[in-house]
């Protein structure tokens, strides 16, 4: 499958900066990694887990909040609620 993306100047700068920071040599490598991370994150939220970043210095935690992850969490909650009556039989 071939997908074409159009970025404005800020988007191009972000992609180039992410390539530099991650060592990804190609756009394909960068976007494959980005899709893998999103896939994992969505699956975690579907299972009722939260995506948390913990500061190694002081243990402070911060949750990753994104509309797509909120959507997945809500979908997971609805699916769990629909399966609940079947489990109690």
Protein backbone atom coordinates (compact mmCIF):
# COMPACT_ATOMS: atom_id res chain seq x y z
CA UNK A 1 0.00 0.00 0.00
CA UNK A 2 1.23 3.45 -0.81
CA UNK A 3 0.18 6.41 1.31
CA UNK A 4 0.98 10.01 0.49
CA UNK A 5 1.12 12.60 3.26
CA UNK A 6 1.30 16.36 2.84
CA UNK A 7 2.95 18.37 5.64
CA UNK A 8 3.19 22.09 6.17
CA UNK A 9 6.58 23.60 7.03
CA UNK A 10 6.18 22.97 10.78
CA UNK A 11 5.21 19.36 10.11
CA UNK A 12 8.28 18.83 7.96
CA UNK A 13 10.48 20.33 10.68
CA UNK A 14 8.92 18.01 13.27
CA UNK A 15 9.43 14.92 11.10
CA UNK A 16 13.05 15.88 10.45
CA UNK A 17 13.65 16.54 14.16
CA UNK A 18 12.11 13.19 15.09
CA UNK A 19 14.32 11.46 12.54
CA UNK A 20 17.36 13.13 14.08
CA UNK A 21 16.35 12.31 17.66
CA UNK A 22 15.45 8.69 16.93
CA UNK A 23 18.14 7.80 14.42
CA UNK A 24 15.52 6.69 11.89
CA UNK A 25 17.16 6.95 8.49
CA UNK A 26 14.01 6.79 6.39
CA UNK A 27 10.49 8.14 6.59
CA UNK A 28 9.27 4.56 6.34
CA UNK A 29 11.26 3.57 9.44
CA UNK A 30 10.03 6.62 11.37
CA UNK A 31 6.38 6.07 10.50
CA UNK A 32 6.55 2.29 11.10
CA UNK A 33 7.81 3.05 14.61
CA UNK A 34 5.14 5.68 15.15
CA UNK A 35 2.38 3.27 14.04
CA UNK A 36 3.80 0.53 16.29
CA UNK A 37 3.73 2.87 19.29
CA UNK A 38 0.17 3.99 18.53
CA UNK A 39 -0.95 0.39 18.03
CA UNK A 40 0.51 -0.65 21.40
CA UNK A 41 -0.98 2.40 23.14
CA UNK A 42 -4.46 1.80 21.72
CA UNK A 43 -4.36 -1.86 22.76
CA UNK A 44 -3.34 -0.87 26.28
CA UNK A 45 -6.24 1.59 26.56
CA UNK A 46 -8.69 -1.00 25.15
CA UNK A 47 -7.65 -3.26 28.05
CA UNK A 48 -8.31 -0.49 30.58
CA UNK A 49 -4.67 0.47 31.15
CA UNK A 50 -3.30 4.01 31.19
CA UNK A 51 -0.16 5.21 29.40
CA UNK A 52 2.03 6.87 32.01
CA UNK A 53 5.43 8.56 31.91
CA UNK A 54 7.37 8.45 35.19
CA UNK A 55 10.19 10.89 35.93
CA UNK A 56 13.21 8.77 36.89
CA UNK A 57 14.48 11.50 39.24
CA UNK A 58 11.48 12.13 41.47
CA UNK A 59 8.89 9.53 40.49
CA UNK A 60 6.40 12.15 39.30
CA UNK A 61 3.93 10.61 36.87
CA UNK A 62 2.13 12.11 33.91
CA UNK A 63 -0.57 10.40 31.85
CA UNK A 64 -0.52 10.54 28.07
CA UNK A 65 -3.87 11.98 27.02
CA UNK A 66 -4.84 12.00 23.35
CA UNK A 67 -8.31 11.97 21.76
CA UNK A 68 -7.57 8.73 19.90
CA UNK A 69 -6.55 7.01 23.13
CA UNK A 70 -9.64 8.33 24.94
CA UNK A 71 -11.76 6.90 22.12
CA UNK A 72 -10.07 3.51 22.49
CA UNK A 73 -10.57 3.58 26.29
CA UNK A 74 -14.28 4.34 25.89
CA UNK A 75 -14.62 1.56 23.32
CA UNK A 76 -12.89 -0.86 25.70
CA UNK A 77 -15.24 0.16 28.54
CA UNK A 78 -18.31 -0.38 26.34
CA UNK A 79 -17.06 -3.78 25.21
CA UNK A 80 -16.30 -4.80 28.80
CA UNK A 81 -19.76 -3.68 29.95
CA UNK A 82 -21.44 -5.60 27.12
CA UNK A 83 -19.51 -8.75 28.04
CA UNK A 84 -20.29 -8.45 31.78
CA UNK A 85 -23.86 -9.84 31.72
CA UNK A 86 -22.65 -12.85 29.73
CA UNK A 87 -20.03 -13.56 32.40
CA UNK A 88 -22.55 -13.55 35.27
CA UNK A 89 -24.73 -16.26 33.74
